[in-house]
Protein backbone atom coordinates (compact mmCIF):
# COMPACT_ATOMS: atom_id res chain seq x y z
CA MET A 1 85.26 110.87 133.91
CA LYS A 2 86.40 107.27 134.35
CA PHE A 3 88.79 105.17 132.28
CA VAL A 4 87.13 101.77 131.88
CA ASP A 5 87.21 98.49 130.00
CA LEU A 6 84.32 98.62 127.51
CA SER A 7 84.70 95.05 126.27
CA THR A 8 81.55 93.99 128.13
CA ARG A 9 79.47 96.84 126.63
CA LEU A 10 79.64 95.87 122.96
CA ASP A 11 76.20 97.20 122.01
CA ASP A 12 76.98 100.59 123.56
CA TRP A 13 80.39 100.60 121.90
CA ASN A 14 78.92 99.81 118.49
CA ALA A 15 76.40 102.63 118.85
CA PHE A 16 79.25 105.00 119.69
CA VAL A 17 81.33 103.82 116.73
CA ASP A 18 78.40 104.01 114.31
CA GLN A 19 77.76 107.69 115.05
CA ASN A 20 81.38 108.73 114.55
CA ALA A 21 82.12 110.11 111.08
CA ASP A 22 85.70 108.82 111.01
CA ALA A 23 85.19 105.38 112.56
CA SER A 24 86.23 102.24 110.70
CA PHE A 25 84.91 98.67 110.75
CA THR A 26 88.24 97.80 112.40
CA GLN A 27 86.97 99.59 115.52
CA SER A 28 83.58 97.87 115.59
CA SER A 29 82.31 95.37 118.14
CA GLN A 30 82.18 92.83 115.32
CA GLN A 31 85.92 93.29 114.81
CA TYR A 32 86.43 92.82 118.54
CA GLN A 33 84.57 89.50 118.38
CA LEU A 34 86.56 88.43 115.32
CA LEU A 35 89.88 89.25 117.00
CA LYS A 36 88.78 87.49 120.16
CA HIS A 37 87.77 84.36 118.27
CA ARG A 38 91.08 84.50 116.40
CA GLN A 39 92.95 84.84 119.74
CA HIS A 40 94.48 88.26 119.01
CA ASN A 41 94.00 89.62 122.55
CA PRO A 42 91.62 92.54 121.84
CA LEU A 43 90.55 95.16 124.37
CA ILE A 44 88.18 98.11 124.19
CA LEU A 45 89.25 100.90 126.53
CA GLY A 46 87.79 104.35 126.91
CA LEU A 47 86.55 107.25 128.98
CA VAL A 48 82.95 107.51 130.16
CA ASP A 49 81.13 110.34 131.91
CA ASP A 50 79.31 110.15 135.24
CA ASN A 51 76.30 108.58 133.51
CA ASN A 52 78.49 105.95 131.84
CA ASN A 53 78.09 107.50 128.40
CA ILE A 54 81.10 106.74 126.20
CA LEU A 55 83.14 109.86 125.39
CA ILE A 56 86.22 108.47 123.63
CA GLY A 57 87.79 105.06 123.24
CA SER A 58 89.53 102.50 121.12
CA LEU A 59 89.65 98.86 120.24
CA LEU A 60 93.27 97.75 120.58
CA THR A 61 95.26 94.56 120.48
CA LYS A 62 98.10 93.33 122.65
CA GLN A 63 100.90 92.11 120.39
CA LYS A 64 104.17 90.35 121.12
CA VAL A 65 107.31 91.99 119.70
CA LYS A 66 111.01 91.59 120.37
CA LEU A 67 111.81 92.32 124.04
CA GLY A 68 108.20 92.70 125.14
CA MET A 69 104.61 93.58 124.25
CA LYS A 70 102.92 96.53 122.57
CA TYR A 71 99.40 97.93 122.35
CA ASN A 72 98.26 98.56 118.79
CA LEU A 73 95.42 101.02 118.12
CA GLU A 74 94.75 100.35 114.44
CA TYR A 75 92.40 102.97 112.96
CA GLY A 76 91.83 104.23 116.48
CA PRO A 77 91.01 105.81 118.79
CA VAL A 78 87.43 106.79 117.99
CA VAL A 79 87.38 110.53 118.68
CA ASN A 80 84.41 112.80 118.03
CA ASP A 81 86.53 115.95 118.18
CA TRP A 82 90.33 116.03 118.10
CA HIS A 83 90.14 119.67 119.23
CA ALA A 84 88.62 118.58 122.56
CA ASP A 85 92.02 118.81 124.23
CA ALA A 86 91.01 117.90 127.78
CA LEU A 87 89.23 114.73 126.65
CA VAL A 88 91.92 113.57 124.22
CA ASP A 89 94.70 114.36 126.71
CA ALA A 90 92.92 112.47 129.49
CA PHE A 91 92.38 109.40 127.30
CA PHE A 92 96.02 109.10 126.27
CA ALA A 93 97.26 109.79 129.80
CA GLU A 94 95.04 107.00 131.14
CA LEU A 95 96.08 104.69 128.30
CA GLN A 96 99.73 105.30 129.13
CA ALA A 97 99.14 104.52 132.80
CA TYR A 98 97.14 101.40 131.92
CA ALA A 99 99.91 100.20 129.58
CA LYS A 100 102.54 100.75 132.28
CA LYS A 101 100.46 98.80 134.78
CA HIS A 102 100.22 95.87 132.34
CA ASN A 103 103.94 95.81 131.50
CA ILE A 104 103.57 97.08 127.91
CA MET A 105 106.77 98.27 126.23
CA PHE A 106 105.18 100.80 123.84
CA ILE A 107 101.96 101.96 122.21
CA THR A 108 101.36 102.27 118.45
CA VAL A 109 98.51 104.48 117.21
CA SER A 110 97.29 104.73 113.58
CA PRO A 111 94.30 107.13 113.64
CA ASN A 112 91.66 106.81 110.94
CA THR A 113 92.03 110.43 109.87
CA ILE A 114 92.93 112.01 106.54
CA TYR A 115 96.06 114.11 106.26
CA GLN A 116 95.61 115.30 102.65
CA LYS A 117 93.55 114.61 99.51
CA PHE A 118 94.80 114.39 95.91
CA ASN A 119 93.40 113.85 92.44
CA ASP A 120 94.47 110.95 90.25
CA GLU A 121 97.50 112.84 88.97
CA GLY A 122 98.78 113.73 92.44
CA THR A 123 97.63 117.36 92.48
CA PRO A 124 96.54 118.31 96.03
CA LEU A 125 92.80 118.81 96.51
CA SER A 126 93.27 120.04 100.08
CA ASN A 127 95.93 121.43 102.36
CA PRO A 128 97.50 119.03 104.88
CA ASP A 129 95.36 118.73 108.01
CA GLU A 130 97.84 119.01 110.86
CA THR A 131 95.29 118.66 113.68
CA VAL A 132 96.05 115.07 114.66
CA MET A 133 99.75 115.43 113.86
CA HIS A 134 100.06 118.37 116.26
CA LYS A 135 98.00 116.70 118.97
CA MET A 136 99.89 113.40 118.94
CA THR A 137 103.25 115.19 118.90
CA GLU A 138 102.11 117.36 121.79
CA LEU A 139 101.26 114.17 123.69
CA GLY A 140 104.81 112.92 123.21
CA TYR A 141 104.15 110.44 120.41
CA LYS A 142 106.73 110.10 117.66
CA HIS A 143 105.40 110.15 114.10
CA GLU A 144 106.82 107.39 111.95
CA PRO A 145 107.96 108.49 108.45
CA PHE A 146 105.14 108.56 105.90
CA LEU A 147 104.97 105.25 104.09
CA TYR A 148 104.52 104.43 100.42
CA GLY A 149 103.55 101.08 98.99
CA MET A 150 100.80 98.56 99.62
CA THR A 151 100.27 96.75 102.91
CA ASP A 152 98.02 93.84 103.83
CA THR A 153 99.03 93.61 107.49
CA HIS A 154 98.76 97.19 108.83
CA ALA A 155 96.59 100.30 108.53
CA VAL A 156 96.75 101.52 104.94
CA PRO A 157 98.76 104.75 104.51
CA TRP A 158 97.06 105.64 101.19
CA GLN A 159 93.57 104.86 99.95
CA TYR A 160 91.31 105.53 96.98
CA VAL A 161 87.77 106.75 97.70
CA LYS A 162 84.68 107.48 95.64
CA ASP A 163 82.37 110.11 97.11
CA LEU A 164 78.72 109.32 96.29
CA THR A 165 77.23 112.37 98.01
CA ASN A 166 74.17 113.67 96.09
CA MET A 167 74.77 111.22 93.22
CA SER A 168 71.96 109.23 91.64
CA ALA A 169 72.50 105.70 90.35
CA ASP A 170 72.61 107.13 86.84
CA ASP A 171 75.13 109.80 87.90
CA ILE A 172 77.37 107.06 89.30
CA HIS A 173 77.32 105.10 86.06
CA LYS A 174 78.01 108.23 84.00
CA SER A 175 81.00 109.08 86.22
CA TYR A 176 82.88 105.90 85.28
CA HIS A 177 85.67 105.84 82.72
CA LYS A 178 84.45 104.79 79.26
CA MET A 179 86.36 101.51 79.56
CA VAL A 180 84.30 100.58 82.64
CA LYS A 181 81.07 101.55 80.89
CA GLN A 182 82.01 99.25 78.03
CA ALA A 183 82.93 96.46 80.46
CA LEU A 184 79.58 96.70 82.23
CA LYS A 185 77.74 95.90 79.00
CA LYS A 186 78.88 92.32 79.63
CA GLN A 187 76.23 92.18 82.36
CA GLY A 188 73.59 91.84 79.65
CA THR A 189 75.38 88.98 77.92
CA GLY A 190 75.70 86.37 80.63
CA VAL A 191 78.07 87.79 83.26
CA HIS A 192 76.40 88.02 86.68
CA VAL A 193 77.32 89.06 90.21
CA ARG A 194 76.05 87.34 93.34
CA GLU A 195 76.75 87.12 97.06
CA LEU A 196 78.15 83.94 98.57
CA GLY A 197 76.75 81.98 101.47
CA ARG A 198 78.95 80.68 104.26
CA ASP A 199 79.22 77.19 102.74
CA GLU A 200 80.65 78.74 99.56
CA LEU A 201 83.56 80.51 101.24
CA PRO A 202 86.05 77.81 100.11
CA LEU A 203 85.27 79.01 96.57
CA PHE A 204 86.24 82.54 97.58
CA LYS A 205 89.34 81.28 99.36
CA LYS A 206 90.45 79.43 96.20
CA ILE A 207 90.18 82.60 94.11
CA LEU A 208 92.35 84.49 96.61
CA ASP A 209 94.90 81.70 96.87
CA ASP A 210 95.35 81.50 93.10
CA THR A 211 95.67 85.28 92.86
CA SER A 212 98.07 85.58 95.80
CA ILE A 213 100.47 83.15 94.14
CA ARG A 214 100.41 85.15 90.91
CA ARG A 215 100.68 88.57 92.55
CA ASN A 216 102.73 87.62 95.61
CA PHE A 217 100.51 89.01 98.35
CA HIS A 218 99.48 87.74 101.79
CA THR A 219 96.06 86.12 102.17
CA LYS A 220 94.06 84.65 105.08
CA ASP A 221 93.10 81.12 106.05
CA LEU A 222 89.57 79.82 105.57
CA ASP A 223 88.80 80.10 109.29
CA TYR A 224 89.32 83.87 109.06
CA PHE A 225 86.68 84.23 106.34
CA GLU A 226 84.24 81.90 108.07
CA THR A 227 84.67 83.67 111.41
CA THR A 228 84.30 87.06 109.71
CA TYR A 229 81.10 85.84 108.07
CA ASP A 230 79.75 84.69 111.44
CA ASP A 231 80.80 87.75 113.47
CA PHE A 232 79.96 90.53 111.01
CA GLY A 233 76.69 89.13 109.66
CA GLU A 234 75.05 91.67 107.34
CA ARG A 235 78.10 93.93 107.68
CA VAL A 236 80.23 91.73 105.46
CA LYS A 237 79.66 90.67 101.85
CA PHE A 238 81.55 88.02 99.89
CA VAL A 239 80.79 88.59 96.23
CA VAL A 240 81.70 86.77 93.02
CA SER A 241 81.21 87.43 89.32
CA GLU A 242 80.42 84.48 87.06
CA LEU A 243 80.01 83.73 83.39
CA HIS A 244 76.86 81.74 82.55
CA PHE A 245 77.78 79.80 79.43
CA PRO A 246 74.28 79.02 78.04
CA GLU A 247 73.18 82.65 78.33
CA TYR A 248 76.44 83.94 76.87
CA ILE A 249 76.29 81.52 73.91
CA ALA A 250 72.62 82.32 73.32
CA ASN A 251 73.54 86.01 73.15
CA LEU A 252 76.24 85.25 70.57
CA ASP A 253 73.70 83.22 68.57
CA GLU A 254 71.38 86.24 68.54
CA LYS A 255 74.20 88.42 67.24
CA LEU A 256 75.02 85.88 64.55
CA ALA A 257 71.38 85.62 63.52
CA ASP A 258 71.15 89.41 63.30
CA VAL A 259 74.32 89.63 61.18
CA ASN A 260 73.15 86.79 58.91
CA GLN A 261 69.84 88.55 58.35
CA LYS A 262 71.59 91.78 57.43
CA ILE A 263 73.88 89.92 55.03
CA ALA A 264 70.88 88.24 53.39
CA ASP A 265 69.08 91.59 53.03
CA LEU A 266 72.10 93.24 51.43
CA GLU A 267 72.66 90.32 49.06
CA GLU A 268 69.05 90.62 47.97
CA LYS A 269 69.52 94.35 47.35
CA LEU A 270 72.65 93.62 45.34
CA ALA A 271 70.81 91.03 43.23
CA ASN A 272 68.11 93.61 42.54
CA GLY A 273 70.58 96.13 41.17
CA GLY A 274 71.51 98.09 44.25
CA ASN A 275 74.65 100.23 44.54
CA ALA A 276 77.32 97.54 44.26
CA GLY A 277 80.18 99.62 45.63
CA ARG A 278 78.37 100.66 48.78
CA ILE A 279 76.70 97.27 49.35
CA ASN A 280 79.92 95.31 48.90
CA LYS A 281 81.64 97.56 51.45
CA GLN A 282 78.84 96.91 53.95
CA LEU A 283 78.96 93.19 53.20
CA ALA A 284 82.69 93.07 53.85
CA ASP A 285 82.16 94.62 57.28
CA LEU A 286 79.28 92.27 58.11
CA ASN A 287 81.18 89.19 56.96
CA LYS A 288 84.04 90.25 59.23
CA GLN A 289 81.59 90.56 62.13
CA HIS A 290 80.19 87.12 61.25
CA ASP A 291 83.64 85.55 61.29
CA ASN A 292 84.52 87.21 64.63
CA HIS A 293 81.27 86.08 66.29
CA THR A 294 81.69 82.55 64.91
CA LYS A 295 85.26 82.30 66.13
CA HIS A 296 84.35 83.74 69.53
CA ARG A 297 81.45 81.32 69.87
CA ALA A 298 83.70 78.37 69.08
CA ASN A 299 86.17 79.52 71.73
CA ILE A 300 83.42 79.86 74.34
CA VAL A 301 82.01 76.41 73.52
CA LYS A 302 85.52 74.97 73.83
CA LEU A 303 86.03 76.76 77.17
CA GLN A 304 82.76 75.38 78.50
CA ALA A 305 83.76 71.87 77.46
CA GLU A 306 87.09 72.28 79.25
CA GLN A 307 85.36 73.52 82.40
CA ASN A 308 82.63 70.88 82.17
CA SER A 309 80.24 73.32 83.80
CA GLU A 310 77.53 75.80 82.88
CA ILE A 311 79.12 78.49 85.10
CA LEU A 312 82.65 79.90 85.17
CA VAL A 313 83.83 81.87 88.23
CA LEU A 314 85.69 85.02 87.14
CA ALA A 315 86.52 87.01 90.29
CA GLY A 316 85.64 87.47 93.96
CA ALA A 317 85.94 90.15 96.64
CA GLN A 318 85.15 90.83 100.31
CA PHE A 319 83.49 94.04 101.47
CA MET A 320 82.83 95.51 104.90
CA ILE A 321 79.74 97.67 105.45
CA MET A 322 79.55 100.50 107.97
CA PRO A 323 77.18 103.48 108.25
CA GLN A 324 80.13 105.71 107.27
CA GLU A 325 81.41 103.79 104.25
CA VAL A 326 81.71 100.51 102.41
CA ASP A 327 85.26 99.09 102.30
CA TYR A 328 86.71 96.94 99.52
CA LEU A 329 88.96 94.55 101.41
CA PHE A 330 90.28 91.31 99.84
CA SER A 331 89.89 90.30 96.21
CA GLY A 332 91.13 87.97 93.52
CA SER A 333 90.45 87.15 89.90
CA TYR A 334 91.42 84.71 87.18
CA GLU A 335 93.60 86.70 84.81
CA GLN A 336 92.99 84.36 81.86
CA TYR A 337 89.31 85.36 81.87
CA GLY A 338 89.98 89.10 81.80
CA GLU A 339 87.90 89.59 78.64
CA PHE A 340 84.74 89.20 80.74
CA TYR A 341 85.70 92.04 83.16
CA GLY A 342 84.64 90.16 86.29
CA PRO A 343 86.28 92.59 88.78
CA HIS A 344 84.59 95.58 87.13
CA GLN A 345 81.17 93.95 87.49
CA ILE A 346 81.79 93.37 91.20
CA GLN A 347 82.88 96.96 91.83
CA ASP A 348 79.83 98.40 90.11
CA TYR A 349 77.54 96.01 92.01
CA MET A 350 78.96 97.13 95.36
CA ILE A 351 79.12 100.83 94.49
CA GLN A 352 75.45 100.70 93.52
CA MET A 353 74.68 98.81 96.75
CA THR A 354 76.51 101.52 98.72
CA HIS A 355 74.29 104.12 97.06
CA ASP A 356 71.13 102.10 97.69
CA LEU A 357 72.01 101.79 101.39
CA GLY A 358 72.29 105.58 101.62
CA ILE A 359 76.04 105.48 102.35
CA ASP A 360 78.08 108.29 100.80
CA ARG A 361 81.61 106.84 100.79
CA TYR A 362 82.91 103.87 98.85
CA ASN A 363 86.45 103.09 99.97
CA PHE A 364 88.63 101.07 97.58
CA LEU A 365 91.29 101.12 100.33
CA GLY A 366 94.95 100.54 99.57
CA ILE A 367 97.09 102.07 96.85
CA ASP A 368 100.83 102.67 97.05
CA GLY A 369 100.77 106.49 97.00
CA ARG A 370 102.85 106.96 93.87
CA PHE A 371 101.45 108.92 90.94
CA ASP A 372 103.90 107.81 88.24
CA GLY A 373 101.62 105.19 86.66
CA SER A 374 103.53 102.25 88.21
CA ASP A 375 100.70 101.26 90.56
CA GLY A 376 98.51 98.84 88.62
CA VAL A 377 96.05 98.59 91.51
CA MET A 378 95.54 102.35 91.47
CA ASN A 379 95.19 102.33 87.68
CA PHE A 380 92.25 99.92 88.07
CA LYS A 381 90.60 101.91 90.86
CA THR A 382 90.88 105.28 89.11
CA LYS A 383 88.66 103.93 86.32
CA PHE A 384 85.75 104.40 88.76
CA ASN A 385 86.55 108.10 89.21
CA GLY A 386 87.34 108.93 92.82
CA HIS A 387 90.14 110.67 94.70
CA VAL A 388 93.26 109.76 96.69
CA GLU A 389 93.52 110.16 100.46
CA GLN A 390 96.75 110.09 102.44
CA LYS A 391 96.21 108.99 106.04
CA VAL A 392 97.89 110.78 108.93
CA GLY A 393 100.11 107.76 109.56
CA THR A 394 101.42 105.94 112.63
CA PHE A 395 102.68 107.23 115.98
CA ASP A 396 104.69 105.43 118.67
CA GLN A 397 104.95 106.18 122.38
CA PRO A 398 107.38 104.28 124.63
CA VAL A 399 106.10 103.09 127.99
CA GLN A 400 109.29 101.32 129.05
CA GLY A 401 111.82 103.75 127.63
CA PHE A 402 115.04 101.75 127.96
CA LYS A 403 113.61 98.54 126.51
CA TYR A 404 111.96 100.51 123.72
CA ARG A 405 115.27 102.14 122.74
CA LEU A 406 116.90 98.70 122.61
CA TYR A 407 114.01 97.44 120.51
CA ARG A 408 114.37 100.29 118.00
CA LEU A 409 118.13 99.86 117.89
CA GLY A 410 117.68 96.18 117.08
CA LYS A 411 115.26 96.99 114.25
CA LYS A 412 117.69 99.59 112.89
CA ILE A 413 120.59 97.14 112.92
CA LYS A 414 118.46 94.56 111.09
CA GLY A 415 117.31 97.18 108.58
CA THR A 416 113.63 96.80 109.44
CA ASP A 417 113.23 100.25 111.01
């Protein structure tokens, strides 16, 4: 076996990543290119056999921290079998030696492995899987305390996943919460979902910026989205939901015409001596429907006039596509247009696409890991009927022990440890 730099063998690396059940898009060659273009100092290091076949490896970044540098293996390494002790041990031993040679203070590893699964109420669906925990501890790595809460800068500690294995498109739709089923009926009334081209990414960026201000979360600059679009190609989707005013108003006109016809028919029956009590009750209900449709139509016409457009953007989201899963990454929406359920339309569109591509996992990614109802993001995601996964977490290994201890002491004093 040889420990080598795989950064010049991106096609081979991608083939290796694609066949690994636990690999993430963050370990792909496309991510390497994105990080390189964004000047984040990526490397791909790994072990190969005598025929240069890749056995184990990881994309990692070199990051500046107080007192020195660290290597960060986010969602890595890519390991086919964590029980293959000789291989795993050799990789981490070589990584440690490589880090020491390049004056790295410490190594941070956040494997893309699941520690435990839960249902929406927090009841365990599996026992904790201690395999990676035991192996990393055996290698001398210190496990950081399990985290709770959302993060947009590090590997997510908790995620929400929908398993599509053996589900038909109809099964998927039936599995949704009744509120989502009701929301999806808007698709037939003028709400549509489409994918954005590169020149439309400023539109996506604007949605995220507006949402980040309202919800106080970190977003990316336009260059990130454009570079992601260029580097990931068909493996990234930027999707928006939109309200088409003419179609929506025409649908309301059809409803009004239908109600008016029913009112006319009942009034004719009443004039011809029909059951007055029953007919008047039906008329009262229909007149109420008529008033609601009329008021709603007036509001929509007013909204269109204010927008001065035939199309209103409701929400947008970014998705990463891998053979193993589709990941829901960044998103935003205009809260004032919530009645049109734009985010729900996008989720259904991408879940159905995941199914059509023959991919069995749809990963909603981050939730905060609390099951007390306080996590609004989780409350939205559970409406699509999946399960919760707690990741194994993050491990640190000092390379320069004295400097690392000073670094941790400084973080502790500042209250950031």
